[in-house]
C-alpha atoms as a PDB file:
ATOM      1  CA  MET A   1      23.500   0.982  -4.911  1.00  0.00           C
ATOM      2  CA  LEU A   2      23.071   4.176  -2.954  1.00  0.00           C
ATOM      3  CA  GLU A   3      23.093   2.391   0.395  1.00  0.00           C
ATOM      4  CA  TRP A   4      26.341   0.574  -0.579  1.00  0.00           C
ATOM      5  CA  ILE A   5      28.001   3.760  -1.602  1.00  0.00           C
ATOM      6  CA  GLN A   6      26.950   5.463   1.595  1.00  0.00           C
ATOM      7  CA  LYS A   7      28.220   2.505   3.785  1.00  0.00           C
ATOM      8  CA  ILE A   8      31.696   2.807   2.130  1.00  0.00           C
ATOM      9  CA  ASP A   9      31.428   6.610   2.870  1.00  0.00           C
ATOM     10  CA  PHE A  10      30.947   6.087   6.517  1.00  0.00           C
ATOM     11  CA  LEU A  11      33.584   3.407   6.710  1.00  0.00           C
ATOM     12  CA  VAL A  12      36.083   6.044   5.539  1.00  0.00           C
ATOM     13  CA  LEU A  13      34.889   8.659   7.735  1.00  0.00           C
ATOM     14  CA  ASP A  14      34.961   6.524  10.737  1.00  0.00           C
ATOM     15  CA  TRP A  15      38.255   5.219   9.726  1.00  0.00           C
ATOM     16  CA  ILE A  16      39.623   8.740   9.927  1.00  0.00           C
ATOM     17  CA  GLN A  17      37.982   9.472  13.288  1.00  0.00           C
ATOM     18  CA  HIS A  18      39.399   6.379  14.804  1.00  0.00           C
ATOM     19  CA  HIS A  19      42.903   6.285  13.482  1.00  0.00           C
ATOM     20  CA  LEU A  20      43.881   9.966  12.609  1.00  0.00           C
ATOM     21  CA  ARG A  21      41.913  12.101  14.841  1.00  0.00           C
ATOM     22  CA  GLY A  22      44.423  13.855  17.382  1.00  0.00           C
ATOM     23  CA  ALA A  23      44.971  17.131  19.081  1.00  0.00           C
ATOM     24  CA  ALA A  24      47.262  18.483  16.517  1.00  0.00           C
ATOM     25  CA  LEU A  25      44.925  17.858  13.400  1.00  0.00           C
ATOM     26  CA  ASP A  26      42.018  19.103  15.468  1.00  0.00           C
ATOM     27  CA  VAL A  27      43.700  22.456  15.642  1.00  0.00           C
ATOM     28  CA  ALA A  28      45.029  22.359  11.979  1.00  0.00           C
ATOM     29  CA  MET A  29      42.106  20.934  10.107  1.00  0.00           C
ATOM     30  CA  PRO A  30      39.659  23.892  11.090  1.00  0.00           C
ATOM     31  CA  LEU A  31      42.355  26.347  10.040  1.00  0.00           C
ATOM     32  CA  VAL A  32      42.721  24.587   6.653  1.00  0.00           C
ATOM     33  CA  THR A  33      39.076  24.163   5.984  1.00  0.00           C
ATOM     34  CA  MET A  34      38.807  28.052   6.496  1.00  0.00           C
ATOM     35  CA  LEU A  35      40.597  28.541   3.277  1.00  0.00           C
ATOM     36  CA  GLY A  36      37.573  27.242   1.402  1.00  0.00           C
ATOM     37  CA  ASP A  37      34.821  29.061   3.488  1.00  0.00           C
ATOM     38  CA  GLY A  38      32.697  30.917   0.909  1.00  0.00           C
ATOM     39  CA  GLY A  39      35.608  30.693  -1.447  1.00  0.00           C
ATOM     40  CA  ILE A  40      36.833  33.924   0.130  1.00  0.00           C
ATOM     41  CA  PHE A  41      40.615  33.144   0.125  1.00  0.00           C
ATOM     42  CA  PHE A  42      40.289  32.015  -3.590  1.00  0.00           C
ATOM     43  CA  VAL A  43      38.241  35.073  -4.459  1.00  0.00           C
ATOM     44  CA  LEU A  44      40.677  37.553  -3.038  1.00  0.00           C
ATOM     45  CA  LEU A  45      43.707  36.060  -4.453  1.00  0.00           C
ATOM     46  CA  THR A  46      41.866  36.023  -7.995  1.00  0.00           C
ATOM     47  CA  LEU A  47      41.023  39.693  -7.378  1.00  0.00           C
ATOM     48  CA  VAL A  48      44.635  40.439  -6.481  1.00  0.00           C
ATOM     49  CA  LEU A  49      45.620  38.707  -9.668  1.00  0.00           C
ATOM     50  CA  LEU A  50      43.078  40.486 -11.930  1.00  0.00           C
ATOM     51  CA  CYS A  51      44.447  43.933 -10.629  1.00  0.00           C
ATOM     52  CA  THR A  52      47.881  43.095 -11.785  1.00  0.00           C
ATOM     53  CA  LYS A  53      48.915  43.489 -15.769  1.00  0.00           C
ATOM     54  CA  ARG A  54      51.214  40.209 -15.469  1.00  0.00           C
ATOM     55  CA  TRP A  55      48.704  37.837 -13.889  1.00  0.00           C
ATOM     56  CA  ARG A  56      45.317  39.455 -15.157  1.00  0.00           C
ATOM     57  CA  SER A  57      44.827  36.599 -17.475  1.00  0.00           C
ATOM     58  CA  LEU A  58      45.451  34.022 -14.709  1.00  0.00           C
ATOM     59  CA  GLY A  59      42.933  35.905 -12.522  1.00  0.00           C
ATOM     60  CA  ARG A  60      40.618  35.756 -15.263  1.00  0.00           C
ATOM     61  CA  SER A  61      40.741  31.998 -15.650  1.00  0.00           C
ATOM     62  CA  LEU A  62      40.370  31.817 -11.759  1.00  0.00           C
ATOM     63  CA  ALA A  63      37.337  33.971 -11.915  1.00  0.00           C
ATOM     64  CA  ILE A  64      35.861  31.837 -14.569  1.00  0.00           C
ATOM     65  CA  ALA A  65      36.438  28.486 -12.697  1.00  0.00           C
ATOM     66  CA  LEU A  66      35.189  29.754  -9.390  1.00  0.00           C
ATOM     67  CA  LEU A  67      32.030  31.148 -11.239  1.00  0.00           C
ATOM     68  CA  LEU A  68      31.470  27.620 -12.877  1.00  0.00           C
ATOM     69  CA  GLY A  69      31.815  26.097  -9.525  1.00  0.00           C
ATOM     70  CA  LEU A  70      29.303  28.528  -7.913  1.00  0.00           C
ATOM     71  CA  LEU A  71      26.803  28.091 -10.556  1.00  0.00           C
ATOM     72  CA  PHE A  72      26.850  24.511 -11.353  1.00  0.00           C
ATOM     73  CA  GLY A  73      28.115  23.083  -8.083  1.00  0.00           C
ATOM     74  CA  ASN A  74      26.616  25.184  -5.384  1.00  0.00           C
ATOM     75  CA  LEU A  75      23.683  26.571  -6.863  1.00  0.00           C
ATOM     76  CA  LEU A  76      22.531  23.868  -9.081  1.00  0.00           C
ATOM     77  CA  LEU A  77      23.846  20.538  -7.756  1.00  0.00           C
ATOM     78  CA  LYS A  78      23.603  21.038  -4.160  1.00  0.00           C
ATOM     79  CA  PRO A  79      19.961  21.867  -3.868  1.00  0.00           C
ATOM     80  CA  LEU A  80      19.137  19.313  -6.738  1.00  0.00           C
ATOM     81  CA  VAL A  81      20.750  16.543  -4.823  1.00  0.00           C
ATOM     82  CA  ALA A  82      19.815  17.610  -1.445  1.00  0.00           C
ATOM     83  CA  ARG A  83      22.267  15.161   0.400  1.00  0.00           C
ATOM     84  CA  ILE A  84      22.157  15.386   4.027  1.00  0.00           C
ATOM     85  CA  ARG A  85      25.525  15.897   5.782  1.00  0.00           C
ATOM     86  CA  PRO A  86      27.131  12.966   7.534  1.00  0.00           C
ATOM     87  CA  TYR A  87      26.880  14.630  10.929  1.00  0.00           C
ATOM     88  CA  ASP A  88      23.245  14.834  10.684  1.00  0.00           C
ATOM     89  CA  LEU A  89      22.906  11.252  10.240  1.00  0.00           C
ATOM     90  CA  VAL A  90      25.101   9.945  13.126  1.00  0.00           C
ATOM     91  CA  GLN A  91      24.732  10.510  16.876  1.00  0.00           C
ATOM     92  CA  GLY A  92      27.689  11.540  18.962  1.00  0.00           C
ATOM     93  CA  ILE A  93      29.985  13.247  16.565  1.00  0.00           C
ATOM     94  CA  GLU A  94      32.087  16.145  18.100  1.00  0.00           C
ATOM     95  CA  LEU A  95      32.020  18.796  15.380  1.00  0.00           C
ATOM     96  CA  LEU A  96      35.189  21.174  15.440  1.00  0.00           C
ATOM     97  CA  VAL A  97      33.346  23.684  13.052  1.00  0.00           C
ATOM     98  CA  GLU A  98      30.075  25.204  13.136  1.00  0.00           C
ATOM     99  CA  PRO A  99      27.054  23.130  11.388  1.00  0.00           C
ATOM    100  CA  LEU A 100      26.420  24.172   8.150  1.00  0.00           C
ATOM    101  CA  SER A 101      23.169  25.212   6.689  1.00  0.00           C
ATOM    102  CA  ASP A 102      23.234  23.917   3.082  1.00  0.00           C
ATOM    103  CA  TYR A 103      23.513  20.490   1.588  1.00  0.00           C
ATOM    104  CA  SER A 104      26.634  18.147   1.478  1.00  0.00           C
ATOM    105  CA  PHE A 105      26.850  17.121  -2.339  1.00  0.00           C
ATOM    106  CA  PRO A 106      29.320  18.272  -3.842  1.00  0.00           C
ATOM    107  CA  SER A 107      31.702  19.743  -1.422  1.00  0.00           C
ATOM    108  CA  GLY A 108      31.777  23.319  -2.337  1.00  0.00           C
ATOM    109  CA  HIS A 109      35.221  23.772  -0.337  1.00  0.00           C
ATOM    110  CA  THR A 110      36.783  21.087  -2.423  1.00  0.00           C
ATOM    111  CA  MET A 111      35.443  22.207  -5.575  1.00  0.00           C
ATOM    112  CA  ALA A 112      36.549  25.848  -5.241  1.00  0.00           C
ATOM    113  CA  SER A 113      40.121  24.761  -4.138  1.00  0.00           C
ATOM    114  CA  PHE A 114      40.402  22.016  -7.117  1.00  0.00           C
ATOM    115  CA  ALA A 115      39.164  24.565  -9.344  1.00  0.00           C
ATOM    116  CA  PHE A 116      41.807  27.049  -8.274  1.00  0.00           C
ATOM    117  CA  ALA A 117      44.484  24.281  -8.479  1.00  0.00           C
ATOM    118  CA  GLY A 118      43.370  22.911 -11.711  1.00  0.00           C
ATOM    119  CA  VAL A 119      43.834  26.414 -13.186  1.00  0.00           C
ATOM    120  CA  PHE A 120      47.352  26.750 -11.800  1.00  0.00           C
ATOM    121  CA  TRP A 121      48.151  23.096 -13.036  1.00  0.00           C
ATOM    122  CA  TYR A 122      47.103  23.958 -16.433  1.00  0.00           C
ATOM    123  CA  ARG A 123      48.962  27.050 -16.645  1.00  0.00           C
ATOM    124  CA  ARG A 124      51.968  25.480 -14.829  1.00  0.00           C
ATOM    125  CA  LYS A 125      54.384  26.701 -17.471  1.00  0.00           C
ATOM    126  CA  GLU A 126      53.552  30.340 -16.436  1.00  0.00           C
ATOM    127  CA  VAL A 127      53.074  29.794 -12.609  1.00  0.00           C
ATOM    128  CA  GLY A 128      55.914  27.259 -11.949  1.00  0.00           C
ATOM    129  CA  ARG A 129      55.999  25.686  -8.666  1.00  0.00           C
ATOM    130  CA  TRP A 130      52.949  27.117  -7.494  1.00  0.00           C
ATOM    131  CA  ALA A 131      50.966  24.807  -9.403  1.00  0.00           C
ATOM    132  CA  ILE A 132      52.270  22.262  -6.998  1.00  0.00           C
ATOM    133  CA  ALA A 133      51.501  24.315  -4.053  1.00  0.00           C
ATOM    134  CA  ALA A 134      47.955  24.865  -5.301  1.00  0.00           C
ATOM    135  CA  VAL A 135      47.364  21.044  -5.613  1.00  0.00           C
ATOM    136  CA  VAL A 136      48.808  20.500  -2.118  1.00  0.00           C
ATOM    137  CA  VAL A 137      46.401  23.059  -0.710  1.00  0.00           C
ATOM    138  CA  ALA A 138      43.456  21.578  -2.595  1.00  0.00           C
ATOM    139  CA  VAL A 139      44.065  18.047  -1.217  1.00  0.00           C
ATOM    140  CA  LEU A 140      44.375  19.408   2.238  1.00  0.00           C
ATOM    141  CA  VAL A 141      41.367  21.396   2.020  1.00  0.00           C
ATOM    142  CA  ALA A 142      39.405  18.193   0.656  1.00  0.00           C
ATOM    143  CA  PHE A 143      41.014  16.068   3.475  1.00  0.00           C
ATOM    144  CA  SER A 144      39.947  18.552   6.023  1.00  0.00           C
ATOM    145  CA  ARG A 145      36.342  18.145   4.881  1.00  0.00           C
ATOM    146  CA  LEU A 146      36.464  14.479   5.645  1.00  0.00           C
ATOM    147  CA  TYR A 147      38.290  14.865   8.915  1.00  0.00           C
ATOM    148  CA  LEU A 148      35.770  17.306  10.167  1.00  0.00           C
ATOM    149  CA  TYR A 149      33.032  14.937   9.389  1.00  0.00           C
ATOM    150  CA  VAL A 150      31.036  17.649   7.390  1.00  0.00           C
ATOM    151  CA  HIS A 151      31.178  15.740   3.936  1.00  0.00           C
ATOM    152  CA  PHE A 152      31.169  12.258   2.627  1.00  0.00           C
ATOM    153  CA  PRO A 153      34.043  10.880   0.827  1.00  0.00           C
ATOM    154  CA  THR A 154      31.966  10.911  -2.395  1.00  0.00           C
ATOM    155  CA  ASP A 155      30.946  14.526  -1.855  1.00  0.00           C
ATOM    156  CA  VAL A 156      34.845  15.476  -1.873  1.00  0.00           C
ATOM    157  CA  LEU A 157      35.767  13.186  -4.801  1.00  0.00           C
ATOM    158  CA  CYS A 158      33.060  14.674  -7.100  1.00  0.00           C
ATOM    159  CA  GLY A 159      33.954  18.169  -5.778  1.00  0.00           C
ATOM    160  CA  ALA A 160      37.491  17.554  -6.677  1.00  0.00           C
ATOM    161  CA  ALA A 161      36.640  16.222 -10.098  1.00  0.00           C
ATOM    162  CA  LEU A 162      34.149  19.113 -10.865  1.00  0.00           C
ATOM    163  CA  GLY A 163      36.590  21.621  -9.713  1.00  0.00           C
ATOM    164  CA  TRP A 164      39.438  20.241 -11.861  1.00  0.00           C
ATOM    165  CA  LEU A 165      36.979  20.235 -14.701  1.00  0.00           C
ATOM    166  CA  PHE A 166      35.959  23.727 -14.145  1.00  0.00           C
ATOM    167  CA  GLY A 167      39.647  24.729 -13.947  1.00  0.00           C
ATOM    168  CA  TYR A 168      40.222  22.952 -17.403  1.00  0.00           C
ATOM    169  CA  LEU A 169      37.248  24.717 -18.921  1.00  0.00           C
ATOM    170  CA  ALA A 170      38.127  28.077 -17.545  1.00  0.00           C
ATOM    171  CA  VAL A 171      41.637  28.114 -18.993  1.00  0.00           C
ATOM    172  CA  ARG A 172      40.389  26.834 -22.398  1.00  0.00           C
ATOM    173  CA  LEU A 173      37.427  29.533 -22.286  1.00  0.00           C
ATOM    174  CA  ASN A 174      39.909  32.289 -21.270  1.00  0.00           C
ATOM    175  CA  GLY A 175      42.345  31.120 -24.016  1.00  0.00           C
ATOM    176  CA  TRP A 176      39.670  31.282 -26.723  1.00  0.00           C
ATOM    177  CA  TRP A 177      38.513  34.667 -25.422  1.00  0.00           C
ATOM    178  CA  GLU A 178      42.148  36.119 -25.452  1.00  0.00           C
ATOM    179  CA  LYS A 179      42.572  34.458 -29.034  1.00  0.00           C
ATOM    180  CA  ARG A 180      39.482  35.960 -30.390  1.00  0.00           C
ATOM    181  CA  ARG A 181      40.249  39.526 -28.713  1.00  0.00           C
ATOM    182  CA  ALA A 182      43.832  39.365 -30.251  1.00  0.00           C
ATOM    183  CA  GLU A 183      42.443  38.784 -33.795  1.00  0.00           C
ATOM    184  CA  LYS A 184      39.945  41.694 -33.439  1.00  0.00           C
ATOM    185  CA  GLN A 185      43.008  43.908 -32.398  1.00  0.00           C
ATOM    186  CA  GLN A 186      44.701  43.034 -35.531  1.00  0.00           C
ATOM    187  CA  CYS A 187      41.862  43.676 -37.971  1.00  0.00           C
END
């Protein structure tokens, strides 16, 4: 079963390399993927939101989602699954980014960007069109991981699903915490 999944993964990666690879994307995709490097972009935006009274609740939801991704995705699943990256299994792949030192499953970049997008989506009444922009960015980051040949499609799909789940859980946890806090203040 796993061999079959990996075969499909390589078919998708190789199709991208043969049909979509070009000079413009060779420049754009490393830049897009930088948005997820260490989650720094998402962490910095979260900190900015936490520092503003109007957006503090949103920032708290984002912080929870990113923390869940770090703990369960990067610190637990990556070493537990220990999946080798695709470029380590194929000869002759020209990497456009530096080789990575951690494992492939799940995609941390994708998980962080979808956790961020998930929070924005579940709070879209509050953030308006920014929810759509966050989803577009998440999709672009996820695609960049495939284009750059640093993740398998299943790494990216699982990273997206986990990120979206963590976004949902973060919004729910933050809502529960805010409700309990409000109840205590009324007593």
